């Protein structure tokens, strides 16, 4: 039994069929893919794949050495991670990604370098996009004989003498029960849309995040099912804050892509006291990277969304910042390097993400939607804008006056990380715009505890027979109390490769038990 059809669930199902097992896969949504269908780029910092070995890449040095790798990784995870688990996953990652390519995954190792260089050279397009990859592996699983049941949410695990032997679910005709002779692999994602689980196990995210996520269906049913049979939890208070989102004071998941991207540009960012919140910085080589914060100690790219933006905003009063700009913002933003919005007037896209209606391909539509529902505020005067944002008008006008003075001089002040001159765009022409912004949940990294081979265990370290979990239903991959994470996109495998790899690894373990 496999629960969930993200990359991990699809890999688990296909590997099990490859090895001759009968496989049933249940999915509460109507289509396969989970969050993985919205992702691309698979990262393996350990460098254990064939192509990485051919290119001579491994961290902290080539060739890959398990002991060196674990010593290097420990400080990034506060010395609180399970090194046996990390080492096993590092080695399984190369095997898994090679296996996926053997099954026709249209991926290529694009080498080492900062992301802007990779994008400029067009190398990023050598990677298969998430939807194409999940669709392919779903079809491979079906063709191999795995049986998929969609629109079938699970509600409980069934045990017999302490062993997990199946699941209870709800199908089109009511309750349905599935028997699992070898075991159940939970591949259903995290708990980012379950306020009760967040409050108990990731209290920082519960308190500071603008919204749950990363997708609306990460509601934690499988986590609760595992807890119901005695599973322990690990990775307490570990989560990834990913970019920032406009606050509508509900905590509901939303995907205002265009409007969210606009607010993340380097406008005037202040907290409710008027203190600056901008975090953009020069890298050590003197080149400008306006949207991202470059890591200076590692030979790969460090997205600012996963650390600096979240931490700056979350540290402020009420865990919020305010993005302020004026009526000429659209003219200004196209002069900012690496604009995140694509075309000024985009045509309808055939991108597989857009096809699923997560957001409108024309960012203007998303911007207007944000204005209409109150996430974005618009006003004819700064005093009126302050009132709408819940700020003191005197504080906002003083901050804008200082900002405009900086713009006139071409020299930033009032922040430890001054902006470069072309980001200093004055706020003088109405209408004026503002949004209260804060961190959104990118991934929850607290989940059920697993051993080094992804068997679910109790608080007494007793294996629950027949129960396995992949990440991020499993937890602890970045240790305890990891606030924002310190490696690219949450772990040494990122998020995408971690899902595919750990599903593959969990199935490999289940088949061997």
Protein backbone atom coordinates (compact mmCIF):
# COMPACT_ATOMS: atom_id res chain seq x y z
CA UNK A 1 0.00 0.00 0.00
CA UNK A 2 1.24 3.45 -0.91
CA UNK A 3 -0.60 6.56 0.32
CA UNK A 4 -0.03 9.63 -1.83
CA UNK A 5 1.03 10.22 -5.43
CA UNK A 6 3.72 12.86 -5.13
CA UNK A 7 7.15 11.90 -6.41
CA UNK A 8 7.83 9.68 -3.41
CA UNK A 9 4.61 7.72 -3.74
CA UNK A 10 5.07 7.28 -7.48
CA UNK A 11 8.64 6.04 -7.05
CA UNK A 12 7.60 3.69 -4.25
CA UNK A 13 4.84 2.20 -6.40
CA UNK A 14 7.01 1.73 -9.48
CA UNK A 15 9.96 0.25 -7.61
CA UNK A 16 7.66 -2.21 -5.83
CA UNK A 17 6.20 -3.31 -9.15
CA UNK A 18 9.69 -3.57 -10.64
CA UNK A 19 10.50 -6.00 -7.83
CA UNK A 20 7.35 -8.07 -8.41
CA UNK A 21 5.12 -6.87 -5.57
CA UNK A 22 1.43 -6.16 -6.02
CA UNK A 23 0.76 -2.48 -5.37
CA UNK A 24 -2.26 -0.38 -4.47
CA UNK A 25 -1.90 3.42 -4.39
CA UNK A 26 -4.54 5.69 -2.83
CA UNK A 27 -4.75 9.43 -3.40
CA UNK A 28 -7.28 11.87 -1.97
CA UNK A 29 -7.00 14.24 -4.94
CA UNK A 30 -8.41 13.58 -8.39
CA UNK A 31 -5.05 13.67 -10.20
CA UNK A 32 -1.56 12.37 -9.41
CA UNK A 33 1.46 14.49 -8.59
CA UNK A 34 0.87 16.13 -5.22
CA UNK A 35 3.18 19.07 -4.58
CA UNK A 36 5.84 17.44 -6.75
CA UNK A 37 3.94 18.28 -9.91
CA UNK A 38 4.64 21.96 -9.17
CA UNK A 39 8.39 21.49 -8.68
CA UNK A 40 11.51 21.09 -10.76
CA UNK A 41 15.28 20.89 -10.20
CA UNK A 42 16.52 17.89 -8.23
CA UNK A 43 19.45 18.65 -5.94
CA UNK A 44 21.91 16.13 -4.52
CA UNK A 45 24.73 17.90 -2.71
CA UNK A 46 26.32 14.59 -1.71
CA UNK A 47 27.21 13.97 -5.37
CA UNK A 48 26.44 10.25 -5.38
CA UNK A 49 24.83 10.00 -8.83
CA UNK A 50 26.65 8.66 -11.89
CA UNK A 51 26.64 11.99 -13.75
CA UNK A 52 27.83 13.86 -10.66
CA UNK A 53 30.67 11.41 -10.23
CA UNK A 54 31.60 11.86 -13.90
CA UNK A 55 31.69 15.63 -13.34
CA UNK A 56 33.79 15.28 -10.20
CA UNK A 57 31.27 16.85 -7.86
CA UNK A 58 30.63 16.07 -4.19
CA UNK A 59 30.44 18.13 -1.02
CA UNK A 60 32.45 18.97 0.97
CA UNK A 61 35.01 17.48 -1.39
CA UNK A 62 35.22 14.96 -4.20
CA UNK A 63 35.01 12.00 -4.16
CA UNK A 64 32.04 11.51 -1.85
CA UNK A 65 33.12 10.33 1.57
CA UNK A 66 30.37 9.47 4.03
CA UNK A 67 32.28 10.55 7.13
CA UNK A 68 33.40 13.86 5.61
CA UNK A 69 29.93 14.54 4.30
CA UNK A 70 28.28 13.97 7.69
CA UNK A 71 30.85 16.12 9.48
CA UNK A 72 30.19 18.91 7.00
CA UNK A 73 26.41 18.62 7.27
CA UNK A 74 26.11 18.42 11.07
CA UNK A 75 26.61 22.13 11.87
CA UNK A 76 23.93 23.11 9.36
CA UNK A 77 21.42 21.03 11.31
CA UNK A 78 22.46 22.11 14.82
CA UNK A 79 24.11 18.71 15.39
CA UNK A 80 20.60 17.38 15.99
CA UNK A 81 19.96 15.17 12.96
CA UNK A 82 20.17 11.38 12.66
CA UNK A 83 23.46 10.88 10.85
CA UNK A 84 22.78 7.24 10.05
CA UNK A 85 19.60 8.35 8.26
CA UNK A 86 21.35 11.20 6.45
CA UNK A 87 24.16 8.98 5.27
CA UNK A 88 21.77 6.34 3.99
CA UNK A 89 19.73 8.95 2.12
CA UNK A 90 22.85 10.50 0.60
CA UNK A 91 23.79 7.14 -0.89
CA UNK A 92 20.22 6.23 -1.86
CA UNK A 93 19.86 9.56 -3.72
CA UNK A 94 22.43 8.70 -6.37
CA UNK A 95 20.95 5.23 -6.83
CA UNK A 96 17.41 6.65 -7.04
CA UNK A 97 18.18 9.41 -9.54
CA UNK A 98 20.13 7.01 -11.74
CA UNK A 99 17.20 4.57 -11.59
CA UNK A 100 14.78 7.35 -12.56
CA UNK A 101 16.89 8.21 -15.59
CA UNK A 102 16.98 4.53 -16.50
CA UNK A 103 13.17 4.75 -16.50
CA UNK A 104 13.20 7.63 -18.96
CA UNK A 105 13.21 10.65 -16.66
CA UNK A 106 14.34 13.47 -18.93
CA UNK A 107 16.90 14.91 -16.54
CA UNK A 108 20.51 15.96 -16.93
CA UNK A 109 23.09 16.94 -14.35
CA UNK A 110 23.64 20.65 -15.00
CA UNK A 111 26.76 21.01 -12.92
CA UNK A 112 27.82 23.39 -10.20
CA UNK A 113 27.32 27.15 -10.16
CA UNK A 114 25.14 29.98 -9.05
CA UNK A 115 21.60 29.85 -10.35
CA UNK A 116 21.77 33.11 -12.37
CA UNK A 117 24.60 31.62 -14.43
CA UNK A 118 22.66 28.40 -14.95
CA UNK A 119 19.57 30.30 -16.05
CA UNK A 120 21.57 32.58 -18.35
CA UNK A 121 23.08 29.59 -20.10
CA UNK A 122 19.69 27.95 -20.49
CA UNK A 123 20.82 24.89 -18.58
CA UNK A 124 17.83 24.92 -16.29
CA UNK A 125 15.62 23.82 -19.18
CA UNK A 126 17.40 20.49 -19.38
CA UNK A 127 15.45 19.38 -16.33
CA UNK A 128 12.03 17.88 -16.83
CA UNK A 129 9.31 19.96 -15.22
CA UNK A 130 7.44 18.51 -12.28
CA UNK A 131 4.12 17.81 -13.97
CA UNK A 132 5.73 16.00 -16.89
CA UNK A 133 7.82 13.91 -14.50
CA UNK A 134 4.95 12.94 -12.18
CA UNK A 135 2.66 12.18 -15.13
CA UNK A 136 5.35 9.96 -16.62
CA UNK A 137 5.94 7.97 -13.45
CA UNK A 138 2.23 7.63 -12.81
CA UNK A 139 1.82 6.11 -16.27
CA UNK A 140 4.85 3.86 -15.75
CA UNK A 141 3.32 2.62 -12.51
CA UNK A 142 -0.05 1.98 -14.11
CA UNK A 143 1.54 0.22 -17.07
CA UNK A 144 3.54 -1.93 -14.66
CA UNK A 145 0.34 -3.03 -12.92
CA UNK A 146 0.00 -0.78 -9.88
CA UNK A 147 -3.64 -0.01 -9.08
CA UNK A 148 -4.40 3.65 -8.42
CA UNK A 149 -7.46 4.87 -6.52
CA UNK A 150 -8.08 8.61 -6.77
CA UNK A 151 -10.59 10.69 -4.77
CA UNK A 152 -9.98 8.22 -1.95
CA UNK A 153 -8.88 9.99 1.25
CA UNK A 154 -7.52 7.81 4.06
CA UNK A 155 -8.70 8.12 7.64
CA UNK A 156 -7.05 5.34 9.68
CA UNK A 157 -4.46 2.59 9.73
CA UNK A 158 -5.59 -0.93 10.49
CA UNK A 159 -3.44 -3.07 12.78
CA UNK A 160 -3.38 -6.72 13.76
CA UNK A 161 -1.33 -7.72 16.82
CA UNK A 162 0.64 -4.49 16.55
CA UNK A 163 1.39 -4.81 12.84
CA UNK A 164 -0.02 -2.37 10.28
CA UNK A 165 -1.99 -4.48 7.81
CA UNK A 166 -4.03 -1.95 5.86
CA UNK A 167 -5.90 1.32 5.74
CA UNK A 168 -9.42 2.64 6.06
CA UNK A 169 -10.44 5.16 3.42
CA UNK A 170 -13.48 6.78 1.86
CA UNK A 171 -14.31 5.97 -1.74
CA UNK A 172 -17.12 7.00 -4.05
CA UNK A 173 -19.43 4.43 -2.43
CA UNK A 174 -18.50 5.11 1.18
CA UNK A 175 -16.00 3.42 3.46
CA UNK A 176 -13.50 1.11 1.84
CA UNK A 177 -10.73 -1.02 3.35
CA UNK A 178 -7.44 -2.01 1.73
CA UNK A 179 -5.24 -4.86 2.93
CA UNK A 180 -1.46 -4.55 2.85
CA UNK A 181 0.49 -7.80 3.15
CA UNK A 182 3.95 -6.21 3.06
CA UNK A 183 3.11 -2.87 4.64
CA UNK A 184 1.92 0.70 4.19
CA UNK A 185 4.16 3.52 2.96
CA UNK A 186 2.95 7.02 3.90
CA UNK A 187 3.91 9.54 1.20
CA UNK A 188 1.32 12.24 1.75
CA UNK A 189 3.43 15.32 2.45
CA UNK A 190 3.54 17.58 5.48
CA UNK A 191 1.20 19.20 7.99
CA UNK A 192 1.28 22.81 6.84
CA UNK A 193 -2.50 23.11 6.50
CA UNK A 194 -3.36 21.53 9.84
CA UNK A 195 -3.47 24.29 12.49
CA UNK A 196 -3.80 21.84 15.39
CA UNK A 197 -0.70 19.87 14.39
CA UNK A 198 1.20 23.09 13.66
CA UNK A 199 0.34 24.55 17.04
CA UNK A 200 1.53 21.42 18.85
CA UNK A 201 4.58 20.43 16.84
CA UNK A 202 5.74 23.55 14.91
CA UNK A 203 4.66 26.42 17.19
CA UNK A 204 6.93 29.00 15.55
CA UNK A 205 5.30 28.46 12.16
CA UNK A 206 1.87 28.50 13.78
CA UNK A 207 2.63 31.87 15.33
CA UNK A 208 4.51 33.71 12.59
CA UNK A 209 3.43 32.27 9.23
CA UNK A 210 1.03 34.27 7.09
CA UNK A 211 -0.41 31.14 5.57
CA UNK A 212 -0.09 27.38 5.63
CA UNK A 213 1.15 25.19 2.85
CA UNK A 214 2.96 24.70 0.66
CA UNK A 215 -0.20 23.28 -0.94
CA UNK A 216 -3.79 23.32 0.32
CA UNK A 217 -3.96 19.54 0.61
CA UNK A 218 -1.12 19.20 3.16
CA UNK A 219 -3.66 18.60 5.90
CA UNK A 220 -1.83 15.96 7.90
CA UNK A 221 -4.21 13.00 7.80
CA UNK A 222 -1.40 10.47 7.43
CA UNK A 223 0.53 12.06 10.28
CA UNK A 224 -2.49 11.68 12.54
CA UNK A 225 -2.97 8.11 11.34
CA UNK A 226 0.62 7.29 12.30
CA UNK A 227 0.23 8.99 15.69
CA UNK A 228 -2.84 6.82 16.20
CA UNK A 229 -0.74 3.66 16.11
CA UNK A 230 1.96 5.01 18.41
CA UNK A 231 4.41 6.83 16.12
CA UNK A 232 6.79 9.36 17.65
CA UNK A 233 7.30 12.84 16.19
CA UNK A 234 10.66 14.39 15.39
CA UNK A 235 11.95 17.62 13.88
CA UNK A 236 9.99 19.58 16.46
CA UNK A 237 9.59 23.23 15.43
CA UNK A 238 11.47 22.65 12.18
CA UNK A 239 10.08 24.30 9.09
CA UNK A 240 10.99 26.28 6.03
CA UNK A 241 9.69 29.79 5.48
CA UNK A 242 9.50 30.27 1.75
CA UNK A 243 9.33 33.72 0.23
CA UNK A 244 6.67 35.98 1.72
CA UNK A 245 2.98 36.46 1.25
CA UNK A 246 0.43 39.19 1.81
CA UNK A 247 -1.39 38.76 5.09
CA UNK A 248 -5.17 38.50 4.98
CA UNK A 249 -5.32 37.61 8.71
CA UNK A 250 -6.89 34.20 8.05
CA UNK A 251 -3.96 31.79 7.70
CA UNK A 252 -5.68 30.28 4.67
CA UNK A 253 -3.58 28.93 1.85
CA UNK A 254 -3.61 31.06 -1.28
CA UNK A 255 -1.46 31.46 -4.35
CA UNK A 256 -1.46 35.07 -5.39
CA UNK A 257 1.59 34.52 -7.53
CA UNK A 258 1.85 37.77 -9.45
CA UNK A 259 0.87 40.03 -6.58
CA UNK A 260 3.13 38.14 -4.18
CA UNK A 261 6.08 38.50 -6.54
CA UNK A 262 5.47 42.23 -6.87
CA UNK A 263 5.62 42.72 -3.09
CA UNK A 264 8.95 40.85 -2.92
CA UNK A 265 10.80 43.35 -5.08
CA UNK A 266 13.12 45.82 -3.32
CA UNK A 267 10.67 48.57 -2.53
CA UNK A 268 10.64 50.38 0.79
CA UNK A 269 10.28 47.58 3.38
CA UNK A 270 9.56 48.68 6.95
CA UNK A 271 8.04 47.28 10.11
CA UNK A 272 5.25 48.90 12.12
CA UNK A 273 7.86 51.08 13.88
CA UNK A 274 9.15 52.39 10.58
CA UNK A 275 12.41 50.45 10.83
CA UNK A 276 13.80 49.10 7.58
CA UNK A 277 13.45 45.40 6.72
CA UNK A 278 15.27 45.17 3.39
CA UNK A 279 17.75 42.30 3.21
CA UNK A 280 19.18 42.52 -0.32
CA UNK A 281 22.96 42.49 -0.41
CA UNK A 282 26.04 42.40 -2.63
CA UNK A 283 27.79 39.08 -2.91
CA UNK A 284 31.48 38.69 -2.09
CA UNK A 285 32.52 39.12 -5.72
CA UNK A 286 30.87 42.53 -6.00
CA UNK A 287 28.17 41.46 -8.45
CA UNK A 288 24.57 42.34 -7.79
CA UNK A 289 21.88 39.79 -7.08
CA UNK A 290 18.75 41.82 -6.36
CA UNK A 291 16.26 39.11 -5.54
CA UNK A 292 18.35 36.54 -3.71
CA UNK A 293 20.81 36.43 -0.86
CA UNK A 294 24.00 34.66 -1.88
CA UNK A 295 25.63 32.15 0.43
CA UNK A 296 29.32 32.94 0.73
CA UNK A 297 30.61 29.69 2.15
CA UNK A 298 29.16 27.10 -0.22
CA UNK A 299 29.70 26.56 -3.96
CA UNK A 300 26.00 26.52 -4.79
CA UNK A 301 23.08 28.86 -4.81
CA UNK A 302 21.31 29.96 -1.65
CA UNK A 303 17.78 31.28 -2.21
CA UNK A 304 16.99 34.19 0.07
CA UNK A 305 13.38 33.07 0.35
CA UNK A 306 14.40 30.12 2.48
CA UNK A 307 16.30 32.18 5.03
CA UNK A 308 16.84 35.91 4.98
CA UNK A 309 13.43 37.16 3.90
CA UNK A 310 11.59 34.98 6.37
CA UNK A 311 13.90 35.70 9.27
CA UNK A 312 13.93 39.45 8.77
CA UNK A 313 10.15 39.68 8.61
CA UNK A 314 9.46 37.13 11.34
CA UNK A 315 11.75 38.97 13.76
CA UNK A 316 9.72 42.19 13.61
CA UNK A 317 6.84 43.26 15.82
CA UNK A 318 3.83 41.06 15.03
CA UNK A 319 6.15 39.09 12.70
CA UNK A 320 5.25 41.29 9.77
CA UNK A 321 6.80 43.82 7.44
CA UNK A 322 5.20 46.29 5.02
CA UNK A 323 6.07 46.75 1.35
CA UNK A 324 5.39 50.30 0.14
CA UNK A 325 5.53 51.61 -3.45
CA UNK A 326 3.83 54.14 -5.65
CA UNK A 327 1.84 54.37 -8.86
CA UNK A 328 4.90 54.07 -11.09
CA UNK A 329 5.87 50.66 -9.71
CA UNK A 330 5.34 48.85 -12.98
CA UNK A 331 7.80 51.13 -14.77
CA UNK A 332 10.35 50.72 -11.99
CA UNK A 333 10.18 46.97 -11.65
CA UNK A 334 11.27 46.24 -15.21
CA UNK A 335 14.52 48.06 -14.50
CA UNK A 336 15.21 45.71 -11.59
CA UNK A 337 17.42 42.80 -12.66
CA UNK A 338 15.82 39.36 -12.83
CA UNK A 339 12.20 40.56 -12.74
CA UNK A 340 10.17 37.58 -11.55
CA UNK A 341 7.00 38.24 -13.48
CA UNK A 342 7.89 37.39 -17.08
CA UNK A 343 6.30 39.48 -19.81
CA UNK A 344 4.71 42.86 -19.22
CA UNK A 345 1.52 41.58 -20.82
CA UNK A 346 1.91 37.81 -20.86
CA UNK A 347 -0.02 35.67 -23.25
CA UNK A 348 -1.86 32.58 -22.06
CA UNK A 349 0.76 30.05 -21.08
CA UNK A 350 0.91 26.33 -21.71
CA UNK A 351 2.97 25.86 -18.57
CA UNK A 352 1.68 22.77 -16.71
CA UNK A 353 1.47 24.68 -13.45
CA UNK A 354 -0.74 27.36 -14.98
CA UNK A 355 -2.96 24.71 -16.56
CA UNK A 356 -3.97 23.66 -13.07
CA UNK A 357 -5.22 27.14 -12.25
CA UNK A 358 -2.94 27.84 -9.31
CA UNK A 359 -2.67 31.38 -10.61
CA UNK A 360 -3.52 33.45 -13.65
CA UNK A 361 -0.70 33.74 -16.22
CA UNK A 362 -1.32 37.50 -16.39
CA UNK A 363 0.05 38.91 -13.14
CA UNK A 364 -2.15 42.02 -13.53
CA UNK A 365 -5.19 39.84 -12.85
CA UNK A 366 -3.64 38.52 -9.66
CA UNK A 367 -2.70 42.04 -8.61
CA UNK A 368 -6.28 43.25 -9.10
CA UNK A 369 -7.59 40.23 -7.20
CA UNK A 370 -5.34 41.12 -4.28
CA UNK A 371 -6.67 44.67 -4.31
CA UNK A 372 -10.26 43.50 -4.45
CA UNK A 373 -10.00 41.14 -1.50
CA UNK A 374 -7.91 43.46 0.66
CA UNK A 375 -4.53 41.77 0.66
CA UNK A 376 -3.10 44.73 -1.23
CA UNK A 377 -4.02 48.26 -0.14
CA UNK A 378 -4.34 51.27 -2.44
CA UNK A 379 -4.81 54.91 -1.43
CA UNK A 380 -4.54 58.41 -2.83
CA UNK A 381 -2.47 59.66 0.11
CA UNK A 382 0.16 58.12 2.35
CA UNK A 383 -1.92 58.98 5.41
CA UNK A 384 -4.87 57.05 4.00
CA UNK A 385 -2.61 54.13 3.08
CA UNK A 386 -1.26 54.03 6.64
CA UNK A 387 -4.79 53.86 8.04
CA UNK A 388 -5.65 50.97 5.73
CA UNK A 389 -2.48 49.12 6.75
CA UNK A 390 -3.04 49.71 10.47
CA UNK A 391 0.07 51.88 10.75
CA UNK A 392 0.67 55.26 12.37
CA UNK A 393 0.45 57.82 9.51
CA UNK A 394 3.30 59.87 11.01
CA UNK A 395 5.60 56.84 11.06
CA UNK A 396 4.81 55.87 7.48
CA UNK A 397 5.20 59.40 6.08
CA UNK A 398 8.51 59.86 7.94
CA UNK A 399 9.81 56.55 6.56
CA UNK A 400 8.77 57.54 3.04
CA UNK A 401 10.41 60.96 3.43
CA UNK A 402 13.68 59.31 4.44
CA UNK A 403 13.37 56.84 1.56
CA UNK A 404 12.75 59.62 -0.96
CA UNK A 405 15.77 61.49 0.37
CA UNK A 406 17.85 58.36 -0.19
CA UNK A 407 16.48 58.09 -3.71
CA UNK A 408 17.36 61.71 -4.49
CA UNK A 409 20.93 61.20 -3.25
CA UNK A 410 21.28 57.75 -4.83
CA UNK A 411 22.65 56.41 -1.55
CA UNK A 412 20.69 54.14 0.76
CA UNK A 413 20.69 54.57 4.54
CA UNK A 414 18.76 53.23 7.49
CA UNK A 415 19.64 49.58 6.92
CA UNK A 416 22.67 47.39 7.49
CA UNK A 417 22.32 46.06 3.94
CA UNK A 418 21.90 49.10 1.70
CA UNK A 419 20.19 48.74 -1.64
CA UNK A 420 21.98 49.52 -4.87
CA UNK A 421 21.04 52.74 -6.60
CA UNK A 422 18.68 51.37 -9.24
CA UNK A 423 16.48 49.94 -6.48
CA UNK A 424 16.00 53.39 -4.98
CA UNK A 425 12.73 54.34 -6.66
CA UNK A 426 10.89 57.25 -5.02
CA UNK A 427 7.39 57.02 -3.56
CA UNK A 428 5.81 60.22 -4.80
CA UNK A 429 3.14 59.51 -7.40
CA UNK A 430 -0.33 58.35 -6.33
CA UNK A 431 -1.99 55.99 -6.06
CA UNK A 432 0.16 54.56 -3.29
CA UNK A 433 0.29 50.83 -2.62
CA UNK A 434 1.16 48.79 0.42
CA UNK A 435 0.84 45.27 1.76
CA UNK A 436 1.44 43.67 5.13
CA UNK A 437 3.70 40.73 4.38
CA UNK A 438 5.18 37.82 6.29
CA UNK A 439 6.67 34.35 5.83
CA UNK A 440 4.64 31.61 4.21
CA UNK A 441 5.21 27.96 4.94
CA UNK A 442 7.37 26.42 2.26
CA UNK A 443 7.70 23.02 3.88
CA UNK A 444 7.01 21.52 7.26
CA UNK A 445 10.03 19.53 8.43
CA UNK A 446 8.52 18.01 11.55
CA UNK A 447 6.88 14.62 11.07
CA UNK A 448 6.75 11.04 12.21
CA UNK A 449 10.02 9.59 13.42
CA UNK A 450 11.67 7.00 11.20
CA UNK A 451 14.77 4.86 11.65
CA UNK A 452 17.74 5.01 9.31
CA UNK A 453 15.83 2.92 6.76
CA UNK A 454 12.50 4.84 6.94
CA UNK A 455 10.61 2.41 9.20
CA UNK A 456 8.25 4.37 11.47
CA UNK A 457 9.17 4.05 15.14
CA UNK A 458 7.66 4.82 18.54
CA UNK A 459 9.06 7.07 21.27
CA UNK A 460 10.71 3.93 22.70
CA UNK A 461 12.46 3.40 19.34
CA UNK A 462 10.35 0.34 18.64
CA UNK A 463 9.66 -0.24 14.97
CA UNK A 464 5.96 -0.29 14.10
CA UNK A 465 5.85 -3.37 11.87
CA UNK A 466 4.48 -2.75 8.41
CA UNK A 467 4.63 1.06 8.53
CA UNK A 468 7.04 3.25 6.54
CA UNK A 469 7.13 6.95 5.65
CA UNK A 470 8.90 9.22 3.22
CA UNK A 471 9.64 12.92 3.59
CA UNK A 472 7.96 15.13 4.47
CA UNK A 473 5.43 12.87 6.20
CA UNK A 474 8.55 11.73 8.04
CA UNK A 475 10.38 14.38 10.04
CA UNK A 476 13.81 15.23 11.36
CA UNK A 477 15.68 15.49 8.07
CA UNK A 478 17.16 18.83 9.21
CA UNK A 479 17.20 18.10 12.92
CA UNK A 480 15.33 19.88 15.68
CA UNK A 481 14.22 23.51 15.86
CA UNK A 482 15.48 24.43 12.42
CA UNK A 483 14.06 27.87 11.81
CA UNK A 484 14.22 28.69 8.15
CA UNK A 485 16.88 26.10 7.27
CA UNK A 486 20.47 26.76 6.33
CA UNK A 487 20.93 24.76 3.14
CA UNK A 488 19.34 25.16 -0.24
CA UNK A 489 15.59 24.55 -0.11
CA UNK A 490 15.59 22.78 3.24
CA UNK A 491 18.10 19.93 3.00
CA UNK A 492 21.06 18.46 1.16
CA UNK A 493 18.56 16.94 -1.27
CA UNK A 494 16.40 20.02 -1.52
CA UNK A 495 12.71 19.24 -1.30
CA UNK A 496 12.06 17.70 -4.70
CA UNK A 497 14.86 15.11 -4.76
CA UNK A 498 14.18 14.31 -1.10
CA UNK A 499 10.61 13.31 -1.96
CA UNK A 500 11.56 11.08 -4.89
CA UNK A 501 14.52 9.55 -3.08
CA UNK A 502 12.83 8.80 0.23
CA UNK A 503 9.80 7.18 -1.45
CA UNK A 504 12.14 4.97 -3.44
CA UNK A 505 14.15 4.17 -0.29
CA UNK A 506 11.06 3.41 1.81
CA UNK A 507 9.81 0.94 -0.80
CA UNK A 508 13.23 -0.69 -0.98
CA UNK A 509 13.15 -1.20 2.78
CA UNK A 510 9.57 -2.50 2.81
CA UNK A 511 10.39 -5.04 0.11
CA UNK A 512 13.39 -6.31 2.06
CA UNK A 513 11.59 -6.70 5.42
